[in-house]
PDB file of N, CA and C in Angstrom:
ATOM      1  N   MET A   1       8.346  -6.744  11.674  1.00  0.00           N
ATOM      2  CA  MET A   1       7.347  -5.765  11.213  1.00  0.00           C
ATOM      3  C   MET A   1       7.662  -4.390  12.059  1.00  0.00           C
ATOM      4  N   LYS A   2       7.707  -3.399  11.362  1.00  0.00           N
ATOM      5  CA  LYS A   2       7.531  -1.977  11.846  1.00  0.00           C
ATOM      6  C   LYS A   2       6.392  -1.359  11.338  1.00  0.00           C
ATOM      7  N   THR A   3       5.555  -0.798  12.258  1.00  0.00           N
ATOM      8  CA  THR A   3       4.403  -0.184  11.958  1.00  0.00           C
ATOM      9  C   THR A   3       4.258   1.326  12.613  1.00  0.00           C
ATOM     10  N   GLU A   4       3.893   2.109  11.787  1.00  0.00           N
ATOM     11  CA  GLU A   4       3.650   3.542  12.389  1.00  0.00           C
ATOM     12  C   GLU A   4       2.296   3.995  11.790  1.00  0.00           C
ATOM     13  N   ILE A   5       1.460   4.460  12.808  1.00  0.00           N
ATOM     14  CA  ILE A   5       0.148   4.892  12.199  1.00  0.00           C
ATOM     15  C   ILE A   5      -0.102   6.452  12.964  1.00  0.00           C
ATOM     16  N   ILE A   6      -0.319   7.259  12.107  1.00  0.00           N
ATOM     17  CA  ILE A   6      -0.653   8.668  12.589  1.00  0.00           C
ATOM     18  C   ILE A   6      -1.975   9.106  11.962  1.00  0.00           C
ATOM     19  N   TYR A   7      -2.908   9.317  12.867  1.00  0.00           N
ATOM     20  CA  TYR A   7      -4.213   9.816  12.746  1.00  0.00           C
ATOM     21  C   TYR A   7      -4.744  11.040  13.410  1.00  0.00           C
ATOM     22  N   ASP A   8      -5.224  11.960  12.679  1.00  0.00           N
ATOM     23  CA  ASP A   8      -5.585  13.403  13.402  1.00  0.00           C
ATOM     24  C   ASP A   8      -6.902  13.507  13.973  1.00  0.00           C
ATOM     25  N   GLY A   9      -7.710  12.237  13.948  1.00  0.00           N
ATOM     26  CA  GLY A   9      -8.941  12.141  14.592  1.00  0.00           C
ATOM     27  C   GLY A   9     -10.060  12.693  13.647  1.00  0.00           C
ATOM     28  N   THR A  10      -9.700  13.157  12.444  1.00  0.00           N
ATOM     29  CA  THR A  10     -10.775  13.800  11.679  1.00  0.00           C
ATOM     30  C   THR A  10     -11.510  12.537  10.979  1.00  0.00           C
ATOM     31  N   PRO A  11     -12.759  12.389  11.095  1.00  0.00           N
ATOM     32  CA  PRO A  11     -13.422  11.222  10.439  1.00  0.00           C
ATOM     33  C   PRO A  11     -13.195  11.205   8.898  1.00  0.00           C
ATOM     34  N   ALA A  12     -12.896   9.879   8.361  1.00  0.00           N
ATOM     35  CA  ALA A  12     -12.598   9.699   6.935  1.00  0.00           C
ATOM     36  C   ALA A  12     -12.865   8.345   6.681  1.00  0.00           C
ATOM     37  N   LEU A  13     -13.745   8.275   5.669  1.00  0.00           N
ATOM     38  CA  LEU A  13     -14.122   6.756   5.183  1.00  0.00           C
ATOM     39  C   LEU A  13     -13.114   6.338   3.987  1.00  0.00           C
ATOM     40  N   ILE A  14     -12.808   4.905   3.954  1.00  0.00           N
ATOM     41  CA  ILE A  14     -12.078   4.510   2.973  1.00  0.00           C
ATOM     42  C   ILE A  14     -12.792   3.236   2.474  1.00  0.00           C
ATOM     43  N   ALA A  15     -12.672   2.720   1.287  1.00  0.00           N
ATOM     44  CA  ALA A  15     -13.435   1.535   0.775  1.00  0.00           C
ATOM     45  C   ALA A  15     -12.980   0.300   1.470  1.00  0.00           C
ATOM     46  N   PRO A  16     -13.774  -0.414   1.977  1.00  0.00           N
ATOM     47  CA  PRO A  16     -13.465  -1.692   2.699  1.00  0.00           C
ATOM     48  C   PRO A  16     -12.304  -2.555   1.879  1.00  0.00           C
ATOM     49  N   LEU A  17     -11.314  -2.979   2.660  1.00  0.00           N
ATOM     50  CA  LEU A  17     -10.267  -3.928   2.067  1.00  0.00           C
ATOM     51  C   LEU A  17      -9.557  -3.332   1.103  1.00  0.00           C
ATOM     52  N   LEU A  18      -9.485  -2.071   0.753  1.00  0.00           N
ATOM     53  CA  LEU A  18      -8.615  -1.489  -0.242  1.00  0.00           C
ATOM     54  C   LEU A  18      -7.140  -1.703  -0.065  1.00  0.00           C
ATOM     55  N   LEU A  19      -6.592  -1.663   1.187  1.00  0.00           N
ATOM     56  CA  LEU A  19      -5.225  -1.739   1.318  1.00  0.00           C
ATOM     57  C   LEU A  19      -4.743  -3.012   1.521  1.00  0.00           C
ATOM     58  N   ILE A  20      -5.495  -4.155   1.753  1.00  0.00           N
ATOM     59  CA  ILE A  20      -5.149  -5.489   1.800  1.00  0.00           C
ATOM     60  C   ILE A  20      -4.185  -5.999   0.851  1.00  0.00           C
ATOM     61  N   PRO A  21      -4.613  -6.025  -0.484  1.00  0.00           N
ATOM     62  CA  PRO A  21      -3.623  -6.526  -1.459  1.00  0.00           C
ATOM     63  C   PRO A  21      -2.122  -6.008  -1.275  1.00  0.00           C
ATOM     64  N   PHE A  22      -2.110  -4.737  -0.970  1.00  0.00           N
ATOM     65  CA  PHE A  22      -0.669  -4.310  -0.852  1.00  0.00           C
ATOM     66  C   PHE A  22       0.159  -4.893   0.447  1.00  0.00           C
ATOM     67  N   ILE A  23      -0.698  -4.999   1.357  1.00  0.00           N
ATOM     68  CA  ILE A  23      -0.040  -5.653   2.624  1.00  0.00           C
ATOM     69  C   ILE A  23       0.082  -7.009   2.317  1.00  0.00           C
ATOM     70  N   GLU A  24      -0.653  -7.823   1.804  1.00  0.00           N
ATOM     71  CA  GLU A  24      -0.534  -9.281   1.544  1.00  0.00           C
ATOM     72  C   GLU A  24       0.739  -9.543   0.540  1.00  0.00           C
ATOM     73  N   ASN A  25       0.815  -8.644  -0.321  1.00  0.00           N
ATOM     74  CA  ASN A  25       2.009  -8.807  -1.198  1.00  0.00           C
ATOM     75  C   ASN A  25       3.430  -8.517  -0.420  1.00  0.00           C
ATOM     76  N   ALA A  26       3.427  -7.703   0.528  1.00  0.00           N
ATOM     77  CA  ALA A  26       4.401  -7.428   1.320  1.00  0.00           C
ATOM     78  C   ALA A  26       4.882  -8.781   2.102  1.00  0.00           C
ATOM     79  N   PHE A  27       3.863  -9.391   2.600  1.00  0.00           N
ATOM     80  CA  PHE A  27       4.348 -10.635   3.254  1.00  0.00           C
ATOM     81  C   PHE A  27       4.540 -11.677   2.371  1.00  0.00           C
ATOM     82  N   LYS A  28       3.828 -11.851   1.219  1.00  0.00           N
ATOM     83  CA  LYS A  28       4.030 -12.900   0.167  1.00  0.00           C
ATOM     84  C   LYS A  28       5.435 -13.087  -0.349  1.00  0.00           C
ATOM     85  N   TYR A  29       5.751 -11.806  -0.709  1.00  0.00           N
ATOM     86  CA  TYR A  29       6.952 -11.684  -1.430  1.00  0.00           C
ATOM     87  C   TYR A  29       8.341 -11.228  -0.526  1.00  0.00           C
ATOM     88  N   GLY A  30       8.121 -10.724   0.602  1.00  0.00           N
ATOM     89  CA  GLY A  30       8.972 -10.088   1.315  1.00  0.00           C
ATOM     90  C   GLY A  30       9.291 -10.819   2.621  1.00  0.00           C
ATOM     91  N   ILE A  31       8.751 -11.814   2.989  1.00  0.00           N
ATOM     92  CA  ILE A  31       9.178 -12.685   4.398  1.00  0.00           C
ATOM     93  C   ILE A  31       9.550 -13.972   4.175  1.00  0.00           C
ATOM     94  N   SER A  32      10.551 -14.221   4.893  1.00  0.00           N
ATOM     95  CA  SER A  32      11.333 -15.572   4.804  1.00  0.00           C
ATOM     96  C   SER A  32      11.675 -15.947   6.139  1.00  0.00           C
ATOM     97  N   LEU A  33      11.487 -17.253   6.530  1.00  0.00           N
ATOM     98  CA  LEU A  33      12.103 -17.922   7.806  1.00  0.00           C
ATOM     99  C   LEU A  33      13.519 -18.295   7.625  1.00  0.00           C
ATOM    100  N   ASP A  34      14.021 -18.064   6.477  1.00  0.00           N
ATOM    101  CA  ASP A  34      15.454 -18.477   6.248  1.00  0.00           C
ATOM    102  C   ASP A  34      16.309 -17.299   6.240  1.00  0.00           C
ATOM    103  N   GLN A  35      15.890 -16.082   5.987  1.00  0.00           N
ATOM    104  CA  GLN A  35      16.802 -14.838   5.636  1.00  0.00           C
ATOM    105  C   GLN A  35      16.355 -13.723   6.475  1.00  0.00           C
ATOM    106  N   ASP A  36      17.064 -12.743   6.750  1.00  0.00           N
ATOM    107  CA  ASP A  36      16.853 -11.513   7.316  1.00  0.00           C
ATOM    108  C   ASP A  36      15.891 -10.913   6.462  1.00  0.00           C
ATOM    109  N   CYS A  37      14.707 -10.469   7.018  1.00  0.00           N
ATOM    110  CA  CYS A  37      13.830  -9.687   6.101  1.00  0.00           C
ATOM    111  C   CYS A  37      13.098  -8.540   6.893  1.00  0.00           C
ATOM    112  N   PHE A  38      12.299  -7.769   6.204  1.00  0.00           N
ATOM    113  CA  PHE A  38      11.615  -6.713   6.899  1.00  0.00           C
ATOM    114  C   PHE A  38      10.383  -6.329   6.154  1.00  0.00           C
ATOM    115  N   VAL A  39       9.255  -5.793   6.837  1.00  0.00           N
ATOM    116  CA  VAL A  39       8.165  -5.099   6.367  1.00  0.00           C
ATOM    117  C   VAL A  39       8.049  -3.966   7.179  1.00  0.00           C
ATOM    118  N   HIS A  40       7.796  -2.710   6.589  1.00  0.00           N
ATOM    119  CA  HIS A  40       7.601  -1.429   7.256  1.00  0.00           C
ATOM    120  C   HIS A  40       6.322  -0.886   6.699  1.00  0.00           C
ATOM    121  N   LEU A  41       5.482  -0.439   7.474  1.00  0.00           N
ATOM    122  CA  LEU A  41       4.287   0.105   7.036  1.00  0.00           C
ATOM    123  C   LEU A  41       4.146   1.486   7.893  1.00  0.00           C
ATOM    124  N   CYS A  42       3.936   2.414   7.087  1.00  0.00           N
ATOM    125  CA  CYS A  42       3.662   3.825   7.851  1.00  0.00           C
ATOM    126  C   CYS A  42       2.281   4.325   7.066  1.00  0.00           C
ATOM    127  N   LEU A  43       1.456   4.654   7.986  1.00  0.00           N
ATOM    128  CA  LEU A  43       0.017   4.869   7.482  1.00  0.00           C
ATOM    129  C   LEU A  43      -0.315   6.345   8.295  1.00  0.00           C
ATOM    130  N   GLN A  44      -0.591   7.248   7.539  1.00  0.00           N
ATOM    131  CA  GLN A  44      -1.106   8.657   7.923  1.00  0.00           C
ATOM    132  C   GLN A  44      -2.208   9.031   7.395  1.00  0.00           C
ATOM    133  N   VAL A  45      -3.289   9.511   8.256  1.00  0.00           N
ATOM    134  CA  VAL A  45      -4.555  10.159   7.862  1.00  0.00           C
ATOM    135  C   VAL A  45      -4.426  11.719   8.637  1.00  0.00           C
ATOM    136  N   LYS A  46      -4.491  12.537   7.675  1.00  0.00           N
ATOM    137  CA  LYS A  46      -4.482  13.848   8.129  1.00  0.00           C
ATOM    138  C   LYS A  46      -5.366  14.662   7.242  1.00  0.00           C
ATOM    139  N   ASP A  47      -6.279  15.391   7.699  1.00  0.00           N
ATOM    140  CA  ASP A  47      -7.316  16.300   6.889  1.00  0.00           C
ATOM    141  C   ASP A  47      -7.868  15.459   5.770  1.00  0.00           C
ATOM    142  N   ARG A  48      -8.407  14.206   6.126  1.00  0.00           N
ATOM    143  CA  ARG A  48      -8.943  13.376   5.141  1.00  0.00           C
ATOM    144  C   ARG A  48      -8.055  12.848   4.072  1.00  0.00           C
ATOM    145  N   GLN A  49      -6.834  12.953   4.027  1.00  0.00           N
ATOM    146  CA  GLN A  49      -5.783  12.642   3.135  1.00  0.00           C
ATOM    147  C   GLN A  49      -5.210  11.299   3.788  1.00  0.00           C
ATOM    148  N   LEU A  50      -5.051  10.246   3.109  1.00  0.00           N
ATOM    149  CA  LEU A  50      -4.316   9.040   3.541  1.00  0.00           C
ATOM    150  C   LEU A  50      -3.135   8.933   2.773  1.00  0.00           C
ATOM    151  N   GLU A  51      -1.934   8.722   3.325  1.00  0.00           N
ATOM    152  CA  GLU A  51      -0.718   8.443   2.852  1.00  0.00           C
ATOM    153  C   GLU A  51      -0.312   7.010   3.262  1.00  0.00           C
ATOM    154  N   MET A  52       0.033   6.228   2.501  1.00  0.00           N
ATOM    155  CA  MET A  52       0.628   4.937   3.024  1.00  0.00           C
ATOM    156  C   MET A  52       2.059   4.649   2.358  1.00  0.00           C
ATOM    157  N   VAL A  53       3.049   4.367   3.070  1.00  0.00           N
ATOM    158  CA  VAL A  53       4.247   3.825   2.596  1.00  0.00           C
ATOM    159  C   VAL A  53       4.588   2.356   3.249  1.00  0.00           C
ATOM    160  N   LEU A  54       4.656   1.605   2.206  1.00  0.00           N
ATOM    161  CA  LEU A  54       4.907   0.140   2.735  1.00  0.00           C
ATOM    162  C   LEU A  54       6.032  -0.413   2.022  1.00  0.00           C
ATOM    163  N   GLU A  55       6.870  -0.772   2.844  1.00  0.00           N
ATOM    164  CA  GLU A  55       8.321  -1.354   2.227  1.00  0.00           C
ATOM    165  C   GLU A  55       8.665  -2.784   2.783  1.00  0.00           C
ATOM    166  N   ASN A  56       9.134  -3.607   1.829  1.00  0.00           N
ATOM    167  CA  ASN A  56       9.663  -4.875   2.263  1.00  0.00           C
ATOM    168  C   ASN A  56      10.930  -5.192   1.458  1.00  0.00           C
ATOM    169  N   GLN A  57      11.564  -6.207   2.136  1.00  0.00           N
ATOM    170  CA  GLN A  57      12.656  -6.863   1.521  1.00  0.00           C
ATOM    171  C   GLN A  57      12.196  -7.434   0.271  1.00  0.00           C
ATOM    172  N   LEU A  58      12.995  -7.370  -0.712  1.00  0.00           N
ATOM    173  CA  LEU A  58      12.726  -8.235  -2.034  1.00  0.00           C
ATOM    174  C   LEU A  58      13.589  -9.305  -2.057  1.00  0.00           C
ATOM    175  N   LEU A  59      13.145 -10.544  -1.693  1.00  0.00           N
ATOM    176  CA  LEU A  59      13.902 -11.762  -1.709  1.00  0.00           C
ATOM    177  C   LEU A  59      14.341 -12.227  -3.218  1.00  0.00           C
ATOM    178  N   PRO A  60      15.521 -12.477  -3.469  1.00  0.00           N
ATOM    179  CA  PRO A  60      15.978 -12.899  -4.671  1.00  0.00           C
ATOM    180  C   PRO A  60      15.175 -13.957  -5.255  1.00  0.00           C
ATOM    181  N   GLU A  61      14.746 -15.004  -4.511  1.00  0.00           N
ATOM    182  CA  GLU A  61      14.071 -16.067  -5.169  1.00  0.00           C
ATOM    183  C   GLU A  61      12.735 -15.846  -5.587  1.00  0.00           C
ATOM    184  N   ARG A  62      12.281 -14.603  -5.132  1.00  0.00           N
ATOM    185  CA  ARG A  62      10.877 -14.186  -5.324  1.00  0.00           C
ATOM    186  C   ARG A  62      10.504 -12.949  -6.445  1.00  0.00           C
ATOM    187  N   GLN A  63      11.808 -12.521  -6.768  1.00  0.00           N
ATOM    188  CA  GLN A  63      11.858 -11.191  -7.521  1.00  0.00           C
ATOM    189  C   GLN A  63      11.057 -11.339  -8.737  1.00  0.00           C
ATOM    190  N   LYS A  64      11.353 -12.392  -9.534  1.00  0.00           N
ATOM    191  CA  LYS A  64      10.645 -12.620 -10.923  1.00  0.00           C
ATOM    192  C   LYS A  64       9.122 -12.543 -10.665  1.00  0.00           C
ATOM    193  N   ASP A  65       8.505 -12.783  -9.476  1.00  0.00           N
ATOM    194  CA  ASP A  65       6.997 -12.975  -9.521  1.00  0.00           C
ATOM    195  C   ASP A  65       6.432 -11.722  -8.877  1.00  0.00           C
ATOM    196  N   HIS A  66       7.423 -10.897  -8.161  1.00  0.00           N
ATOM    197  CA  HIS A  66       7.008  -9.755  -7.277  1.00  0.00           C
ATOM    198  C   HIS A  66       6.085  -8.828  -8.081  1.00  0.00           C
ATOM    199  N   GLY A  67       4.916  -8.518  -7.646  1.00  0.00           N
ATOM    200  CA  GLY A  67       3.987  -7.440  -8.362  1.00  0.00           C
ATOM    201  C   GLY A  67       3.312  -8.154  -9.501  1.00  0.00           C
ATOM    202  N   ALA A  68       3.490  -9.299  -9.993  1.00  0.00           N
ATOM    203  CA  ALA A  68       2.889  -9.901 -11.123  1.00  0.00           C
ATOM    204  C   ALA A  68       1.478 -10.307 -10.977  1.00  0.00           C
ATOM    205  N   GLY A  69       1.063 -10.365  -9.508  1.00  0.00           N
ATOM    206  CA  GLY A  69      -0.233 -11.149  -9.408  1.00  0.00           C
ATOM    207  C   GLY A  69      -1.342 -10.293  -9.614  1.00  0.00           C
ATOM    208  N   THR A  70      -2.448 -10.994  -9.568  1.00  0.00           N
ATOM    209  CA  THR A  70      -3.643 -10.245  -9.960  1.00  0.00           C
ATOM    210  C   THR A  70      -4.088  -9.376  -8.760  1.00  0.00           C
ATOM    211  N   GLY A  71      -3.664  -9.385  -7.615  1.00  0.00           N
ATOM    212  CA  GLY A  71      -4.170  -8.716  -6.461  1.00  0.00           C
ATOM    213  C   GLY A  71      -3.837  -7.370  -6.649  1.00  0.00           C
ATOM    214  N   LEU A  72      -2.572  -6.844  -7.088  1.00  0.00           N
ATOM    215  CA  LEU A  72      -2.263  -5.439  -7.323  1.00  0.00           C
ATOM    216  C   LEU A  72      -3.072  -4.777  -8.422  1.00  0.00           C
ATOM    217  N   ALA A  73      -3.274  -5.702  -9.488  1.00  0.00           N
ATOM    218  CA  ALA A  73      -4.009  -5.350 -10.652  1.00  0.00           C
ATOM    219  C   ALA A  73      -5.527  -4.968 -10.340  1.00  0.00           C
ATOM    220  N   HIS A  74      -6.153  -5.696  -9.398  1.00  0.00           N
ATOM    221  CA  HIS A  74      -7.499  -5.534  -8.935  1.00  0.00           C
ATOM    222  C   HIS A  74      -7.532  -4.362  -8.050  1.00  0.00           C
ATOM    223  N   ALA A  75      -6.439  -4.212  -7.249  1.00  0.00           N
ATOM    224  CA  ALA A  75      -6.353  -3.038  -6.338  1.00  0.00           C
ATOM    225  C   ALA A  75      -6.295  -1.672  -7.045  1.00  0.00           C
ATOM    226  N   LEU A  76      -5.445  -1.687  -8.216  1.00  0.00           N
ATOM    227  CA  LEU A  76      -5.370  -0.498  -8.959  1.00  0.00           C
ATOM    228  C   LEU A  76      -6.808  -0.209  -9.659  1.00  0.00           C
ATOM    229  N   LYS A  77      -7.499  -1.326 -10.165  1.00  0.00           N
ATOM    230  CA  LYS A  77      -8.822  -1.083 -10.715  1.00  0.00           C
ATOM    231  C   LYS A  77      -9.801  -0.231  -9.806  1.00  0.00           C
ATOM    232  N   ARG A  78      -9.768  -0.949  -8.475  1.00  0.00           N
ATOM    233  CA  ARG A  78     -10.678  -0.335  -7.555  1.00  0.00           C
ATOM    234  C   ARG A  78     -10.401   1.114  -7.273  1.00  0.00           C
ATOM    235  N   LEU A  79      -8.934   1.283  -7.249  1.00  0.00           N
ATOM    236  CA  LEU A  79      -8.553   2.914  -6.846  1.00  0.00           C
ATOM    237  C   LEU A  79      -9.068   3.677  -8.177  1.00  0.00           C
ATOM    238  N   ASN A  80      -9.019   3.085  -9.216  1.00  0.00           N
ATOM    239  CA  ASN A  80      -9.389   3.905 -10.473  1.00  0.00           C
ATOM    240  C   ASN A  80     -11.047   4.169 -10.501  1.00  0.00           C
ATOM    241  N   LEU A  81     -11.677   3.053  -9.993  1.00  0.00           N
ATOM    242  CA  LEU A  81     -13.217   3.189 -10.003  1.00  0.00           C
ATOM    243  C   LEU A  81     -13.613   4.026  -8.782  1.00  0.00           C
ATOM    244  N   LEU A  82     -13.081   3.806  -7.725  1.00  0.00           N
ATOM    245  CA  LEU A  82     -13.670   4.324  -6.513  1.00  0.00           C
ATOM    246  C   LEU A  82     -13.109   5.766  -6.283  1.00  0.00           C
ATOM    247  N   TYR A  83     -11.923   6.146  -6.593  1.00  0.00           N
ATOM    248  CA  TYR A  83     -11.263   7.251  -6.490  1.00  0.00           C
ATOM    249  C   TYR A  83     -10.635   7.887  -7.647  1.00  0.00           C
ATOM    250  N   PRO A  84     -11.299   8.045  -8.787  1.00  0.00           N
ATOM    251  CA  PRO A  84     -10.800   8.539  -9.974  1.00  0.00           C
ATOM    252  C   PRO A  84     -10.256   9.907  -9.645  1.00  0.00           C
ATOM    253  N   GLN A  85      -8.940  10.129 -10.148  1.00  0.00           N
ATOM    254  CA  GLN A  85      -8.228  11.410 -10.053  1.00  0.00           C
ATOM    255  C   GLN A  85      -7.947  11.860  -8.571  1.00  0.00           C
ATOM    256  N   LYS A  86      -8.238  10.938  -7.633  1.00  0.00           N
ATOM    257  CA  LYS A  86      -8.105  11.228  -6.180  1.00  0.00           C
ATOM    258  C   LYS A  86      -7.137  10.360  -5.497  1.00  0.00           C
ATOM    259  N   HIS A  87      -6.277   9.700  -6.361  1.00  0.00           N
ATOM    260  CA  HIS A  87      -5.346   8.933  -5.725  1.00  0.00           C
ATOM    261  C   HIS A  87      -3.866   8.909  -6.651  1.00  0.00           C
ATOM    262  N   HIS A  88      -2.811   8.600  -5.832  1.00  0.00           N
ATOM    263  CA  HIS A  88      -1.609   8.590  -6.679  1.00  0.00           C
ATOM    264  C   HIS A  88      -0.822   7.482  -5.996  1.00  0.00           C
ATOM    265  N   LEU A  89      -0.590   6.680  -6.929  1.00  0.00           N
ATOM    266  CA  LEU A  89       0.051   5.276  -6.524  1.00  0.00           C
ATOM    267  C   LEU A  89       1.539   5.096  -7.201  1.00  0.00           C
ATOM    268  N   VAL A  90       2.611   4.683  -6.558  1.00  0.00           N
ATOM    269  CA  VAL A  90       3.931   4.632  -6.930  1.00  0.00           C
ATOM    270  C   VAL A  90       4.493   3.110  -6.414  1.00  0.00           C
ATOM    271  N   LEU A  91       4.982   2.488  -7.260  1.00  0.00           N
ATOM    272  CA  LEU A  91       5.604   1.140  -6.927  1.00  0.00           C
ATOM    273  C   LEU A  91       7.054   1.282  -7.341  1.00  0.00           C
ATOM    274  N   GLU A  92       7.770   0.915  -6.369  1.00  0.00           N
ATOM    275  CA  GLU A  92       9.230   0.993  -6.592  1.00  0.00           C
ATOM    276  C   GLU A  92       9.906  -0.367  -6.274  1.00  0.00           C
ATOM    277  N   GLU A  93      10.909  -0.734  -6.954  1.00  0.00           N
ATOM    278  CA  GLU A  93      11.461  -2.108  -6.738  1.00  0.00           C
ATOM    279  C   GLU A  93      12.851  -2.026  -6.517  1.00  0.00           C
ATOM    280  N   GLN A  94      13.610  -0.946  -6.343  1.00  0.00           N
ATOM    281  CA  GLN A  94      15.007  -0.850  -5.942  1.00  0.00           C
ATOM    282  C   GLN A  94      15.289   0.198  -4.783  1.00  0.00           C
ATOM    283  N   PRO A  95      15.992  -0.116  -3.781  1.00  0.00           N
ATOM    284  CA  PRO A  95      16.795  -1.434  -3.574  1.00  0.00           C
ATOM    285  C   PRO A  95      15.891  -2.541  -3.000  1.00  0.00           C
ATOM    286  N   HIS A  96      14.730  -2.058  -2.555  1.00  0.00           N
ATOM    287  CA  HIS A  96      13.565  -2.937  -1.938  1.00  0.00           C
ATOM    288  C   HIS A  96      12.335  -2.516  -2.440  1.00  0.00           C
ATOM    289  N   TYR A  97      11.201  -3.314  -2.257  1.00  0.00           N
ATOM    290  CA  TYR A  97       9.991  -2.849  -2.707  1.00  0.00           C
ATOM    291  C   TYR A  97       9.370  -2.082  -1.917  1.00  0.00           C
ATOM    292  N   LYS A  98       8.781  -0.859  -2.666  1.00  0.00           N
ATOM    293  CA  LYS A  98       8.057   0.141  -1.910  1.00  0.00           C
ATOM    294  C   LYS A  98       6.778   0.487  -2.690  1.00  0.00           C
ATOM    295  N   VAL A  99       5.820   0.624  -1.666  1.00  0.00           N
ATOM    296  CA  VAL A  99       4.393   1.164  -2.532  1.00  0.00           C
ATOM    297  C   VAL A  99       4.113   2.455  -1.673  1.00  0.00           C
ATOM    298  N   ARG A 100       3.863   3.479  -2.267  1.00  0.00           N
ATOM    299  CA  ARG A 100       3.552   4.645  -2.001  1.00  0.00           C
ATOM    300  C   ARG A 100       2.169   5.102  -2.477  1.00  0.00           C
ATOM    301  N   LEU A 101       1.244   5.467  -1.723  1.00  0.00           N
ATOM    302  CA  LEU A 101      -0.170   5.459  -2.009  1.00  0.00           C
ATOM    303  C   LEU A 101      -0.756   6.799  -1.135  1.00  0.00           C
ATOM    304  N   ARG A 102      -1.096   7.786  -2.066  1.00  0.00           N
ATOM    305  CA  ARG A 102      -1.761   8.833  -1.374  1.00  0.00           C
ATOM    306  C   ARG A 102      -3.264   8.822  -1.863  1.00  0.00           C
ATOM    307  N   LEU A 103      -4.151   8.996  -1.107  1.00  0.00           N
ATOM    308  CA  LEU A 103      -5.620   8.880  -1.397  1.00  0.00           C
ATOM    309  C   LEU A 103      -6.464  10.155  -0.668  1.00  0.00           C
ATOM    310  N   ASP A 104      -7.156  10.891  -1.455  1.00  0.00           N
ATOM    311  CA  ASP A 104      -7.964  11.895  -0.960  1.00  0.00           C
ATOM    312  C   ASP A 104      -9.234  11.269  -0.685  1.00  0.00           C
ATOM    313  N   MET A 105      -9.524  11.438   0.474  1.00  0.00           N
ATOM    314  CA  MET A 105     -10.923  10.809   0.881  1.00  0.00           C
ATOM    315  C   MET A 105     -12.007  11.747   1.458  1.00  0.00           C
ATOM    316  N   ARG A 106     -11.706  12.947   0.974  1.00  0.00           N
ATOM    317  CA  ARG A 106     -12.672  14.130   1.156  1.00  0.00           C
ATOM    318  C   ARG A 106     -13.844  13.946   0.243  1.00  0.00           C
ATOM    319  N   GLN A 107     -14.962  14.224   0.602  1.00  0.00           N
ATOM    320  CA  GLN A 107     -16.351  14.205  -0.071  1.00  0.00           C
ATOM    321  C   GLN A 107     -16.211  15.093  -1.154  1.00  0.00           C
ATOM    322  N   ILE A 108     -16.636  14.861  -2.283  1.00  0.00           N
ATOM    323  CA  ILE A 108     -16.907  15.697  -3.406  1.00  0.00           C
ATOM    324  C   ILE A 108     -18.291  16.476  -3.187  1.00  0.00           C
ATOM    325  N   ASP A 109     -18.013  17.832  -3.284  1.00  0.00           N
ATOM    326  CA  ASP A 109     -19.216  18.652  -3.166  1.00  0.00           C
ATOM    327  C   ASP A 109     -19.956  18.691  -4.460  1.00  0.00           C
ATOM    328  N   ARG A 110     -21.403  18.351  -4.234  1.00  0.00           N
ATOM    329  CA  ARG A 110     -22.256  18.215  -5.345  1.00  0.00           C
ATOM    330  C   ARG A 110     -23.095  19.350  -5.555  1.00  0.00           C
TER     331      ARG A 110
END
């Protein structure tokens, strides 16, 4: 596992457990004791903008089920409810699985 966290120190709030389903999937579908594998997580918070890039090996025996679980579907629903038009999510599957999430955590002026 390779982890990189960059934080500018500016206070920013995020909904509890919002990132957990993405990280769980990386381990569920990308880790094996029998094969070489990896999980890379880069998390950056700058000016109340979060950017997460999470990559993992896509193991052949688990490819057919990858991303099909309810965890990602629920995470997407939460993003749409809690951060409407304030997030951008891209899921890629080639050559390995990659999640790119950008999230605007700035308060909306009322």
